[in-house]
N, C-alpha and C. Protein backbone atom coordinates (compact mmCIF):
# COMPACT_ATOMS: atom_id res chain seq x y z
N UNK A 1 0.80 -1.17 -0.02
CA UNK A 1 -0.01 0.00 0.00
C UNK A 1 0.84 1.27 0.01
N UNK A 2 2.03 1.20 0.54
CA UNK A 2 2.91 2.35 0.58
C UNK A 2 3.26 2.84 -0.79
N UNK A 3 3.36 1.86 -1.74
CA UNK A 3 3.68 2.16 -3.08
C UNK A 3 2.64 2.96 -3.79
N UNK A 4 1.39 2.66 -3.51
CA UNK A 4 0.26 3.33 -4.15
C UNK A 4 0.22 4.79 -3.58
N UNK A 5 0.42 4.86 -2.27
CA UNK A 5 0.40 6.23 -1.66
C UNK A 5 1.53 7.10 -2.21
N UNK A 6 2.73 6.52 -2.44
CA UNK A 6 3.80 7.24 -2.98
C UNK A 6 3.50 7.64 -4.42
N UNK A 7 2.84 6.76 -5.19
CA UNK A 7 2.49 7.05 -6.56
C UNK A 7 1.47 8.22 -6.65
N UNK A 8 0.48 8.20 -5.69
CA UNK A 8 -0.48 9.26 -5.64
C UNK A 8 0.13 10.54 -5.26
N UNK A 9 1.10 10.55 -4.39
CA UNK A 9 1.78 11.77 -4.01
C UNK A 9 2.58 12.39 -5.21
N UNK A 10 3.25 11.42 -5.98
CA UNK A 10 3.87 11.92 -7.18
C UNK A 10 2.91 12.49 -8.26
N UNK A 11 1.81 11.88 -8.34
CA UNK A 11 0.83 12.42 -9.29
C UNK A 11 0.31 13.79 -8.90
N UNK A 12 0.05 13.96 -7.59
CA UNK A 12 -0.41 15.23 -7.14
C UNK A 12 0.73 16.34 -7.32
N UNK A 13 2.02 15.96 -7.14
CA UNK A 13 3.08 16.87 -7.42
C UNK A 13 3.19 17.27 -8.89
N UNK A 14 2.97 16.26 -9.76
CA UNK A 14 3.03 16.46 -11.16
C UNK A 14 1.85 17.38 -11.52
N UNK A 15 0.66 17.20 -10.96
CA UNK A 15 -0.45 18.07 -11.30
C UNK A 15 -0.21 19.51 -10.81
N UNK A 16 0.42 19.63 -9.66
CA UNK A 16 0.72 21.01 -9.19
C UNK A 16 1.76 21.69 -10.08
N UNK A 17 2.77 20.98 -10.52
CA UNK A 17 3.73 21.53 -11.38
C UNK A 17 3.15 21.86 -12.81
N UNK A 18 2.25 21.01 -13.29
CA UNK A 18 1.58 21.33 -14.51
C UNK A 18 0.77 22.58 -14.45
N UNK A 19 0.14 22.84 -13.28
CA UNK A 19 -0.60 24.07 -13.10
C UNK A 19 0.34 25.21 -13.15
N UNK A 20 1.53 25.10 -12.59
CA UNK A 20 2.49 26.15 -12.55
C UNK A 20 3.01 26.49 -13.93
N UNK A 21 3.16 25.43 -14.80
CA UNK A 21 3.65 25.58 -16.17
C UNK A 21 2.53 26.31 -16.90
N UNK A 22 1.28 25.93 -16.72
CA UNK A 22 0.18 26.62 -17.42
C UNK A 22 0.15 28.11 -17.08
N UNK A 23 0.31 28.43 -15.89
CA UNK A 23 0.33 29.86 -15.44
C UNK A 23 1.56 30.59 -16.06
N UNK A 24 2.67 29.95 -16.14
CA UNK A 24 3.83 30.55 -16.72
C UNK A 24 3.67 30.83 -18.24
N UNK A 25 2.92 29.84 -18.87
CA UNK A 25 2.70 30.07 -20.37
C UNK A 25 1.66 31.18 -20.57
N UNK A 26 0.69 31.28 -19.69
CA UNK A 26 -0.24 32.36 -19.82
C UNK A 26 0.44 33.75 -19.65
N UNK A 27 1.48 33.82 -18.87
CA UNK A 27 2.23 35.13 -18.68
C UNK A 27 3.23 35.39 -19.75
N UNK A 28 3.68 34.34 -20.38
CA UNK A 28 4.80 34.43 -21.38
C UNK A 28 4.33 35.31 -22.53
N UNK A 29 5.28 35.96 -23.19
CA UNK A 29 4.98 36.77 -24.38
C UNK A 29 5.98 36.44 -25.41
N UNK A 30 5.53 36.05 -26.65
CA UNK A 30 6.41 35.77 -27.74
C UNK A 30 5.95 36.62 -28.90
N UNK A 31 6.90 36.95 -29.71
CA UNK A 31 6.59 37.89 -30.87
C UNK A 31 6.99 37.29 -32.16
N UNK A 32 6.11 37.51 -33.15
CA UNK A 32 6.46 37.14 -34.55
C UNK A 32 6.37 38.39 -35.37
N UNK A 33 7.22 38.52 -36.36
CA UNK A 33 7.27 39.69 -37.20
C UNK A 33 7.27 39.28 -38.67
N UNK A 34 6.91 40.19 -39.52
CA UNK A 34 6.97 39.95 -40.96
C UNK A 34 7.18 41.31 -41.63
N UNK A 35 7.53 41.19 -42.90
CA UNK A 35 7.78 42.47 -43.65
C UNK A 35 8.89 43.26 -43.05
N UNK A 36 9.92 42.61 -42.66
CA UNK A 36 11.07 43.32 -42.02
C UNK A 36 10.69 44.10 -40.75
N UNK A 37 9.76 43.56 -40.01
CA UNK A 37 9.33 44.21 -38.74
C UNK A 37 8.15 45.17 -38.92
N UNK A 38 7.62 45.18 -40.15
CA UNK A 38 6.50 46.14 -40.40
C UNK A 38 5.23 45.68 -39.77
N UNK A 39 5.10 44.39 -39.57
CA UNK A 39 3.95 43.80 -38.82
C UNK A 39 4.47 42.96 -37.68
N UNK A 40 3.88 43.15 -36.57
CA UNK A 40 4.36 42.43 -35.31
C UNK A 40 3.15 41.88 -34.62
N UNK A 41 3.21 40.59 -34.30
CA UNK A 41 2.11 39.95 -33.54
C UNK A 41 2.72 39.42 -32.23
N UNK A 42 2.00 39.57 -31.11
CA UNK A 42 2.47 39.09 -29.85
C UNK A 42 1.38 38.13 -29.35
N UNK A 43 1.84 36.98 -28.94
CA UNK A 43 0.93 35.90 -28.39
C UNK A 43 1.54 35.51 -27.07
N UNK A 44 0.63 34.81 -26.23
CA UNK A 44 1.13 34.29 -25.01
C UNK A 44 1.54 32.85 -25.25
N UNK A 45 2.02 32.14 -24.29
CA UNK A 45 2.48 30.76 -24.42
C UNK A 45 1.37 29.77 -24.75
N UNK A 46 0.06 30.26 -24.64
CA UNK A 46 -1.05 29.41 -24.97
C UNK A 46 -1.53 29.70 -26.44
N UNK A 47 -0.72 30.48 -27.15
CA UNK A 47 -1.01 30.89 -28.53
C UNK A 47 -2.29 31.80 -28.73
N UNK A 48 -2.51 32.54 -27.65
CA UNK A 48 -3.63 33.55 -27.71
C UNK A 48 -3.10 34.83 -28.23
N UNK A 49 -3.62 35.40 -29.30
CA UNK A 49 -3.12 36.68 -29.85
C UNK A 49 -3.41 37.77 -28.82
N UNK A 50 -2.35 38.49 -28.43
CA UNK A 50 -2.52 39.55 -27.45
C UNK A 50 -2.47 40.97 -28.06
N UNK A 51 -1.63 41.10 -29.10
CA UNK A 51 -1.57 42.42 -29.77
C UNK A 51 -1.09 42.20 -31.20
N UNK A 52 -1.39 43.15 -32.03
CA UNK A 52 -1.00 43.23 -33.38
C UNK A 52 -0.64 44.65 -33.77
N UNK A 53 0.57 44.80 -34.21
CA UNK A 53 0.96 46.25 -34.60
C UNK A 53 1.30 46.25 -36.11
N UNK A 54 0.76 47.26 -36.75
CA UNK A 54 1.04 47.39 -38.22
C UNK A 54 1.62 48.81 -38.47
N UNK A 55 2.77 48.82 -39.05
CA UNK A 55 3.33 50.12 -39.34
C UNK A 55 2.55 50.80 -40.46
N UNK A 56 2.18 51.98 -40.28
CA UNK A 56 1.30 52.75 -41.29
C UNK A 56 1.84 52.64 -42.63
N UNK A 57 3.13 52.61 -42.79
CA UNK A 57 3.76 52.59 -44.16
C UNK A 57 3.29 51.42 -44.98
N UNK A 58 2.85 50.35 -44.30
CA UNK A 58 2.51 49.08 -44.96
C UNK A 58 1.07 49.17 -45.56
N UNK A 59 0.28 50.01 -44.97
CA UNK A 59 -1.10 50.17 -45.35
C UNK A 59 -1.22 50.82 -46.73
N UNK A 60 -1.65 49.97 -47.67
CA UNK A 60 -1.88 50.44 -49.07
C UNK A 60 -3.18 49.92 -49.57
N UNK A 61 -4.13 50.81 -49.87
CA UNK A 61 -5.48 50.44 -50.25
C UNK A 61 -5.47 49.51 -51.48
N UNK A 62 -4.41 49.72 -52.25
CA UNK A 62 -4.30 48.94 -53.56
C UNK A 62 -3.71 47.57 -53.39
N UNK A 63 -3.18 47.30 -52.19
CA UNK A 63 -2.51 45.96 -52.03
C UNK A 63 -2.84 45.44 -50.64
N UNK A 64 -4.12 45.21 -50.32
CA UNK A 64 -4.60 44.72 -49.06
C UNK A 64 -4.07 43.24 -48.98
N UNK A 65 -4.02 42.57 -49.98
CA UNK A 65 -3.61 41.11 -49.94
C UNK A 65 -2.19 40.99 -49.33
N UNK A 66 -1.32 41.93 -49.72
CA UNK A 66 0.10 41.89 -49.09
C UNK A 66 0.00 42.06 -47.59
N UNK A 67 -0.79 42.99 -47.15
CA UNK A 67 -0.96 43.29 -45.70
C UNK A 67 -1.51 42.04 -45.03
N UNK A 68 -2.54 41.48 -45.56
CA UNK A 68 -3.08 40.25 -45.05
C UNK A 68 -2.10 39.12 -44.90
N UNK A 69 -1.26 38.99 -45.96
CA UNK A 69 -0.20 37.92 -45.96
C UNK A 69 0.83 38.18 -44.83
N UNK A 70 1.22 39.49 -44.64
CA UNK A 70 2.13 39.85 -43.61
C UNK A 70 1.59 39.55 -42.23
N UNK A 71 0.27 39.87 -42.03
CA UNK A 71 -0.33 39.62 -40.74
C UNK A 71 -0.39 38.11 -40.50
N UNK A 72 -0.78 37.37 -41.45
CA UNK A 72 -0.81 35.90 -41.27
C UNK A 72 0.64 35.38 -40.91
N UNK A 73 1.64 35.84 -41.63
CA UNK A 73 2.96 35.36 -41.42
C UNK A 73 3.45 35.75 -39.97
N UNK A 74 3.10 36.94 -39.52
CA UNK A 74 3.57 37.33 -38.17
C UNK A 74 2.88 36.50 -37.08
N UNK A 75 1.58 36.30 -37.29
CA UNK A 75 0.84 35.52 -36.25
C UNK A 75 1.34 34.06 -36.31
N UNK A 76 1.57 33.47 -37.41
CA UNK A 76 1.99 32.10 -37.49
C UNK A 76 3.42 32.06 -36.88
N UNK A 77 4.30 32.96 -37.11
CA UNK A 77 5.60 32.90 -36.50
C UNK A 77 5.51 32.98 -35.02
N UNK A 78 4.66 33.87 -34.50
CA UNK A 78 4.49 34.02 -32.99
C UNK A 78 3.94 32.68 -32.43
N UNK A 79 2.95 32.08 -33.18
CA UNK A 79 2.37 30.83 -32.66
C UNK A 79 3.38 29.73 -32.66
N UNK A 80 4.28 29.63 -33.66
CA UNK A 80 5.34 28.65 -33.68
C UNK A 80 6.30 28.83 -32.52
N UNK A 81 6.64 30.05 -32.17
CA UNK A 81 7.48 30.28 -31.04
C UNK A 81 6.78 29.90 -29.70
N UNK A 82 5.45 30.12 -29.63
CA UNK A 82 4.69 29.79 -28.44
C UNK A 82 4.60 28.28 -28.30
N UNK A 83 4.49 27.58 -29.44
CA UNK A 83 4.48 26.14 -29.46
C UNK A 83 5.79 25.55 -28.92
N UNK A 84 6.89 26.17 -29.49
CA UNK A 84 8.26 25.70 -29.01
C UNK A 84 8.42 25.94 -27.51
N UNK A 85 7.93 27.09 -27.02
CA UNK A 85 8.01 27.46 -25.62
C UNK A 85 7.29 26.40 -24.77
N UNK A 86 6.07 26.14 -25.19
CA UNK A 86 5.22 25.14 -24.41
C UNK A 86 5.89 23.79 -24.50
N UNK A 87 6.35 23.36 -25.66
CA UNK A 87 7.01 22.04 -25.74
C UNK A 87 8.24 21.95 -24.82
N UNK A 88 9.00 23.04 -24.77
CA UNK A 88 10.15 22.99 -23.87
C UNK A 88 9.76 22.97 -22.44
N UNK A 89 8.67 23.65 -22.04
CA UNK A 89 8.31 23.62 -20.71
C UNK A 89 7.75 22.24 -20.29
N UNK A 90 7.05 21.61 -21.23
CA UNK A 90 6.52 20.30 -20.98
C UNK A 90 7.66 19.24 -20.91
N UNK A 91 8.61 19.40 -21.83
CA UNK A 91 9.85 18.50 -21.65
C UNK A 91 10.49 18.68 -20.34
N UNK A 92 10.64 19.83 -19.86
CA UNK A 92 11.31 20.06 -18.57
C UNK A 92 10.50 19.51 -17.47
N UNK A 93 9.14 19.54 -17.61
CA UNK A 93 8.30 18.96 -16.53
C UNK A 93 8.31 17.43 -16.55
N UNK A 94 8.36 16.86 -17.76
CA UNK A 94 8.24 15.41 -17.84
C UNK A 94 9.57 14.65 -18.03
N UNK A 95 10.66 15.47 -18.08
CA UNK A 95 11.96 14.83 -18.31
C UNK A 95 12.07 14.33 -19.74
N UNK A 96 11.31 14.98 -20.63
CA UNK A 96 11.43 14.62 -22.08
C UNK A 96 10.54 13.47 -22.50
N UNK A 97 9.78 12.93 -21.52
CA UNK A 97 8.90 11.81 -21.82
C UNK A 97 7.59 12.32 -22.30
N UNK A 98 7.06 11.87 -23.41
CA UNK A 98 5.81 12.27 -23.94
C UNK A 98 4.72 11.47 -23.25
N UNK A 99 3.86 12.19 -22.44
CA UNK A 99 2.83 11.54 -21.65
C UNK A 99 1.51 11.96 -22.30
N UNK A 100 0.79 10.98 -23.00
CA UNK A 100 -0.42 11.35 -23.67
C UNK A 100 -1.47 11.95 -22.70
N UNK A 101 -2.18 12.92 -23.21
CA UNK A 101 -3.21 13.58 -22.36
C UNK A 101 -2.70 14.59 -21.42
N UNK A 102 -1.39 14.85 -21.41
CA UNK A 102 -0.85 15.80 -20.47
C UNK A 102 -0.55 17.14 -21.19
N UNK A 103 -1.06 17.33 -22.39
CA UNK A 103 -0.85 18.53 -23.11
C UNK A 103 -1.35 19.80 -22.40
N UNK A 104 -0.78 20.89 -22.90
CA UNK A 104 -1.23 22.15 -22.23
C UNK A 104 -2.15 22.84 -23.18
């Protein structure tokens, strides 16, 4: 029975640490840019878009498609960085072991 109690204690500790990682990712800020920095997107570690900045020089009524593409590129880059951040935090938490269902 002591083994089960120890296992439960370890599970509770893992759950506590997972909660701390989730909080850390919510506070984290990562940035993606495109167009040489003309468009900047900031997301948190949970890939939630927090801000989007567009340099007025990029705004051209005749080329809205270019601006849309730059926005998408900046948001995608920021989300990729957030994904890498979350993966690193999870690897640190689990010692690099992929535990199904433990995603953030």
